[in-house]
Amino acid sequence: MTKTELKRKTDEAVTETKTALQTVYDALNHGQQQKLLNDEAVAALFERYGVVT
């Protein structure tokens, strides 16, 4: 696997993860979103992947 191919596949994986997290977050009601964001591990994960909260 070349460096370029590895970079492309890594970028695709990050994008897929961000999209999945954003979809789950958007499907929750406001109270559920707030409760989820109170968990520091989840909040850090959202920050890492750039999920809009």
PDB file of N, CA and C in Angstrom:
ATOM      1  N   MET A   1       0.855  -1.166   0.000  1.00  0.00           N
ATOM      2  CA  MET A   1       0.000   0.000   0.000  1.00  0.00           C
ATOM      3  C   MET A   1       0.903   1.231   0.000  1.00  0.00           C
ATOM      4  N   THR A   2       0.641   2.121  -0.899  1.00  0.00           N
ATOM      5  CA  THR A   2       1.448   3.335  -0.988  1.00  0.00           C
ATOM      6  C   THR A   2       0.998   4.344   0.061  1.00  0.00           C
ATOM      7  N   LYS A   3       1.841   5.332   0.282  1.00  0.00           N
ATOM      8  CA  LYS A   3       1.530   6.375   1.260  1.00  0.00           C
ATOM      9  C   LYS A   3       0.268   7.134   0.860  1.00  0.00           C
ATOM     10  N   THR A   4       0.107   7.407  -0.418  1.00  0.00           N
ATOM     11  CA  THR A   4      -1.063   8.126  -0.907  1.00  0.00           C
ATOM     12  C   THR A   4      -2.332   7.304  -0.709  1.00  0.00           C
ATOM     13  N   GLU A   5      -2.246   6.032  -0.998  1.00  0.00           N
ATOM     14  CA  GLU A   5      -3.410   5.149  -0.838  1.00  0.00           C
ATOM     15  C   GLU A   5      -3.794   5.034   0.637  1.00  0.00           C
ATOM     16  N   LEU A   6      -2.805   4.923   1.510  1.00  0.00           N
ATOM     17  CA  LEU A   6      -3.061   4.845   2.945  1.00  0.00           C
ATOM     18  C   LEU A   6      -3.733   6.124   3.440  1.00  0.00           C
ATOM     19  N   LYS A   7      -3.238   7.265   2.995  1.00  0.00           N
ATOM     20  CA  LYS A   7      -3.827   8.556   3.374  1.00  0.00           C
ATOM     21  C   LYS A   7      -5.280   8.647   2.917  1.00  0.00           C
ATOM     22  N   ARG A   8      -5.554   8.222   1.697  1.00  0.00           N
ATOM     23  CA  ARG A   8      -6.918   8.282   1.155  1.00  0.00           C
ATOM     24  C   ARG A   8      -7.851   7.382   1.951  1.00  0.00           C
ATOM     25  N   LYS A   9      -7.408   6.170   2.247  1.00  0.00           N
ATOM     26  CA  LYS A   9      -8.261   5.238   2.992  1.00  0.00           C
ATOM     27  C   LYS A   9      -8.490   5.720   4.424  1.00  0.00           C
ATOM     28  N   THR A  10      -7.477   6.308   5.021  1.00  0.00           N
ATOM     29  CA  THR A  10      -7.628   6.847   6.369  1.00  0.00           C
ATOM     30  C   THR A  10      -8.621   8.002   6.373  1.00  0.00           C
ATOM     31  N   ASP A  11      -8.496   8.888   5.390  1.00  0.00           N
ATOM     32  CA  ASP A  11      -9.437  10.008   5.283  1.00  0.00           C
ATOM     33  C   ASP A  11     -10.866   9.514   5.084  1.00  0.00           C
ATOM     34  N   GLU A  12     -11.044   8.468   4.291  1.00  0.00           N
ATOM     35  CA  GLU A  12     -12.377   7.901   4.077  1.00  0.00           C
ATOM     36  C   GLU A  12     -12.943   7.343   5.375  1.00  0.00           C
ATOM     37  N   ALA A  13     -12.117   6.665   6.151  1.00  0.00           N
ATOM     38  CA  ALA A  13     -12.572   6.083   7.412  1.00  0.00           C
ATOM     39  C   ALA A  13     -12.988   7.175   8.396  1.00  0.00           C
ATOM     40  N   VAL A  14     -12.215   8.242   8.465  1.00  0.00           N
ATOM     41  CA  VAL A  14     -12.544   9.353   9.361  1.00  0.00           C
ATOM     42  C   VAL A  14     -13.855  10.004   8.933  1.00  0.00           C
ATOM     43  N   THR A  15     -14.037  10.200   7.641  1.00  0.00           N
ATOM     44  CA  THR A  15     -15.262  10.806   7.128  1.00  0.00           C
ATOM     45  C   THR A  15     -16.472   9.926   7.418  1.00  0.00           C
ATOM     46  N   GLU A  16     -16.334   8.626   7.225  1.00  0.00           N
ATOM     47  CA  GLU A  16     -17.441   7.706   7.515  1.00  0.00           C
ATOM     48  C   GLU A  16     -17.804   7.741   8.994  1.00  0.00           C
ATOM     49  N   THR A  17     -16.797   7.776   9.858  1.00  0.00           N
ATOM     50  CA  THR A  17     -17.045   7.815  11.296  1.00  0.00           C
ATOM     51  C   THR A  17     -17.743   9.109  11.687  1.00  0.00           C
ATOM     52  N   LYS A  18     -17.270  10.229  11.148  1.00  0.00           N
ATOM     53  CA  LYS A  18     -17.902  11.521  11.439  1.00  0.00           C
ATOM     54  C   LYS A  18     -19.350  11.525  10.990  1.00  0.00           C
ATOM     55  N   THR A  19     -19.615  11.021   9.811  1.00  0.00           N
ATOM     56  CA  THR A  19     -20.973  10.990   9.279  1.00  0.00           C
ATOM     57  C   THR A  19     -21.877  10.127  10.151  1.00  0.00           C
ATOM     58  N   ALA A  20     -21.374   8.977  10.578  1.00  0.00           N
ATOM     59  CA  ALA A  20     -22.163   8.089  11.433  1.00  0.00           C
ATOM     60  C   ALA A  20     -22.468   8.747  12.775  1.00  0.00           C
ATOM     61  N   LEU A  21     -21.466   9.356  13.392  1.00  0.00           N
ATOM     62  CA  LEU A  21     -21.684  10.031  14.677  1.00  0.00           C
ATOM     63  C   LEU A  21     -22.653  11.198  14.537  1.00  0.00           C
ATOM     64  N   GLN A  22     -22.528  11.951  13.466  1.00  0.00           N
ATOM     65  CA  GLN A  22     -23.410  13.105  13.242  1.00  0.00           C
ATOM     66  C   GLN A  22     -24.850  12.635  13.038  1.00  0.00           C
ATOM     67  N   THR A  23     -25.033  11.545  12.316  1.00  0.00           N
ATOM     68  CA  THR A  23     -26.370  11.002  12.075  1.00  0.00           C
ATOM     69  C   THR A  23     -27.025  10.575  13.377  1.00  0.00           C
ATOM     70  N   VAL A  24     -26.276   9.890  14.226  1.00  0.00           N
ATOM     71  CA  VAL A  24     -26.812   9.452  15.516  1.00  0.00           C
ATOM     72  C   VAL A  24     -27.164  10.668  16.376  1.00  0.00           C
ATOM     73  N   TYR A  25     -26.275  11.628  16.442  1.00  0.00           N
ATOM     74  CA  TYR A  25     -26.516  12.823  17.251  1.00  0.00           C
ATOM     75  C   TYR A  25     -27.756  13.564  16.766  1.00  0.00           C
ATOM     76  N   ASP A  26     -27.887  13.719  15.468  1.00  0.00           N
ATOM     77  CA  ASP A  26     -29.028  14.442  14.901  1.00  0.00           C
ATOM     78  C   ASP A  26     -30.352  13.712  15.126  1.00  0.00           C
ATOM     79  N   ALA A  27     -30.309  12.401  15.296  1.00  0.00           N
ATOM     80  CA  ALA A  27     -31.530  11.617  15.485  1.00  0.00           C
ATOM     81  C   ALA A  27     -32.067  11.715  16.917  1.00  0.00           C
ATOM     82  N   LEU A  28     -31.262  12.213  17.832  1.00  0.00           N
ATOM     83  CA  LEU A  28     -31.682  12.308  19.227  1.00  0.00           C
ATOM     84  C   LEU A  28     -32.447  13.603  19.474  1.00  0.00           C
ATOM     85  N   ASN A  29     -33.317  13.581  20.487  1.00  0.00           N
ATOM     86  CA  ASN A  29     -33.990  14.822  20.863  1.00  0.00           C
ATOM     87  C   ASN A  29     -33.038  15.656  21.721  1.00  0.00           C
ATOM     88  N   HIS A  30     -33.418  16.894  21.994  1.00  0.00           N
ATOM     89  CA  HIS A  30     -32.515  17.835  22.668  1.00  0.00           C
ATOM     90  C   HIS A  30     -32.038  17.306  24.027  1.00  0.00           C
ATOM     91  N   GLY A  31     -32.921  16.747  24.807  1.00  0.00           N
ATOM     92  CA  GLY A  31     -32.557  16.219  26.127  1.00  0.00           C
ATOM     93  C   GLY A  31     -31.560  15.078  26.030  1.00  0.00           C
ATOM     94  N   GLN A  32     -31.768  14.193  25.066  1.00  0.00           N
ATOM     95  CA  GLN A  32     -30.843  13.081  24.871  1.00  0.00           C
ATOM     96  C   GLN A  32     -29.477  13.586  24.411  1.00  0.00           C
ATOM     97  N   GLN A  33     -29.478  14.594  23.547  1.00  0.00           N
ATOM     98  CA  GLN A  33     -28.213  15.167  23.086  1.00  0.00           C
ATOM     99  C   GLN A  33     -27.433  15.749  24.259  1.00  0.00           C
ATOM    100  N   GLN A  34     -28.122  16.497  25.115  1.00  0.00           N
ATOM    101  CA  GLN A  34     -27.447  17.104  26.261  1.00  0.00           C
ATOM    102  C   GLN A  34     -26.903  16.050  27.212  1.00  0.00           C
ATOM    103  N   LYS A  35     -27.679  15.003  27.445  1.00  0.00           N
ATOM    104  CA  LYS A  35     -27.231  13.931  28.338  1.00  0.00           C
ATOM    105  C   LYS A  35     -25.997  13.243  27.753  1.00  0.00           C
ATOM    106  N   LEU A  36     -26.000  13.041  26.453  1.00  0.00           N
ATOM    107  CA  LEU A  36     -24.877  12.404  25.782  1.00  0.00           C
ATOM    108  C   LEU A  36     -23.621  13.268  25.889  1.00  0.00           C
ATOM    109  N   LEU A  37     -23.784  14.576  25.732  1.00  0.00           N
ATOM    110  CA  LEU A  37     -22.637  15.482  25.797  1.00  0.00           C
ATOM    111  C   LEU A  37     -22.076  15.642  27.204  1.00  0.00           C
ATOM    112  N   ASN A  38     -22.847  15.265  28.224  1.00  0.00           N
ATOM    113  CA  ASN A  38     -22.348  15.312  29.597  1.00  0.00           C
ATOM    114  C   ASN A  38     -21.291  14.242  29.846  1.00  0.00           C
ATOM    115  N   ASP A  39     -21.275  13.206  29.031  1.00  0.00           N
ATOM    116  CA  ASP A  39     -20.265  12.164  29.141  1.00  0.00           C
ATOM    117  C   ASP A  39     -18.981  12.676  28.477  1.00  0.00           C
ATOM    118  N   GLU A  40     -17.925  12.821  29.265  1.00  0.00           N
ATOM    119  CA  GLU A  40     -16.683  13.408  28.760  1.00  0.00           C
ATOM    120  C   GLU A  40     -16.080  12.600  27.618  1.00  0.00           C
ATOM    121  N   ALA A  41     -16.194  11.287  27.661  1.00  0.00           N
ATOM    122  CA  ALA A  41     -15.627  10.444  26.608  1.00  0.00           C
ATOM    123  C   ALA A  41     -16.354  10.677  25.284  1.00  0.00           C
ATOM    124  N   VAL A  42     -17.669  10.799  25.356  1.00  0.00           N
ATOM    125  CA  VAL A  42     -18.460  11.046  24.141  1.00  0.00           C
ATOM    126  C   VAL A  42     -18.173  12.440  23.606  1.00  0.00           C
ATOM    127  N   ALA A  43     -18.109  13.413  24.489  1.00  0.00           N
ATOM    128  CA  ALA A  43     -17.821  14.784  24.070  1.00  0.00           C
ATOM    129  C   ALA A  43     -16.451  14.863  23.397  1.00  0.00           C
ATOM    130  N   ALA A  44     -15.468  14.151  23.930  1.00  0.00           N
ATOM    131  CA  ALA A  44     -14.126  14.133  23.332  1.00  0.00           C
ATOM    132  C   ALA A  44     -14.151  13.464  21.965  1.00  0.00           C
ATOM    133  N   LEU A  45     -14.921  12.409  21.845  1.00  0.00           N
ATOM    134  CA  LEU A  45     -15.051  11.711  20.563  1.00  0.00           C
ATOM    135  C   LEU A  45     -15.695  12.619  19.520  1.00  0.00           C
ATOM    136  N   PHE A  46     -16.732  13.326  19.911  1.00  0.00           N
ATOM    137  CA  PHE A  46     -17.385  14.262  18.997  1.00  0.00           C
ATOM    138  C   PHE A  46     -16.411  15.371  18.570  1.00  0.00           C
ATOM    139  N   GLU A  47     -15.647  15.864  19.515  1.00  0.00           N
ATOM    140  CA  GLU A  47     -14.664  16.908  19.211  1.00  0.00           C
ATOM    141  C   GLU A  47     -13.602  16.380  18.242  1.00  0.00           C
ATOM    142  N   ARG A  48     -13.141  15.168  18.489  1.00  0.00           N
ATOM    143  CA  ARG A  48     -12.093  14.555  17.645  1.00  0.00           C
ATOM    144  C   ARG A  48     -12.531  14.420  16.193  1.00  0.00           C
ATOM    145  N   TYR A  49     -13.790  14.037  16.003  1.00  0.00           N
ATOM    146  CA  TYR A  49     -14.287  13.812  14.649  1.00  0.00           C
ATOM    147  C   TYR A  49     -15.028  15.009  14.057  1.00  0.00           C
ATOM    148  N   GLY A  50     -15.127  16.095  14.783  1.00  0.00           N
ATOM    149  CA  GLY A  50     -15.721  17.305  14.244  1.00  0.00           C
ATOM    150  C   GLY A  50     -17.226  17.261  14.111  1.00  0.00           C
ATOM    151  N   VAL A  51     -17.886  16.557  15.014  1.00  0.00           N
ATOM    152  CA  VAL A  51     -19.345  16.489  14.982  1.00  0.00           C
ATOM    153  C   VAL A  51     -19.903  17.830  15.453  1.00  0.00           C
ATOM    154  N   VAL A  52     -20.846  18.382  14.701  1.00  0.00           N
ATOM    155  CA  VAL A  52     -21.455  19.659  15.034  1.00  0.00           C
ATOM    156  C   VAL A  52     -22.507  19.421  16.118  1.00  0.00           C
ATOM    157  N   THR A  53     -22.277  20.011  17.303  1.00  0.00           N
ATOM    158  CA  THR A  53     -23.217  19.805  18.409  1.00  0.00           C
ATOM    159  C   THR A  53     -23.982  21.063  18.705  1.00  0.00           C
TER     160      THR A  53
END
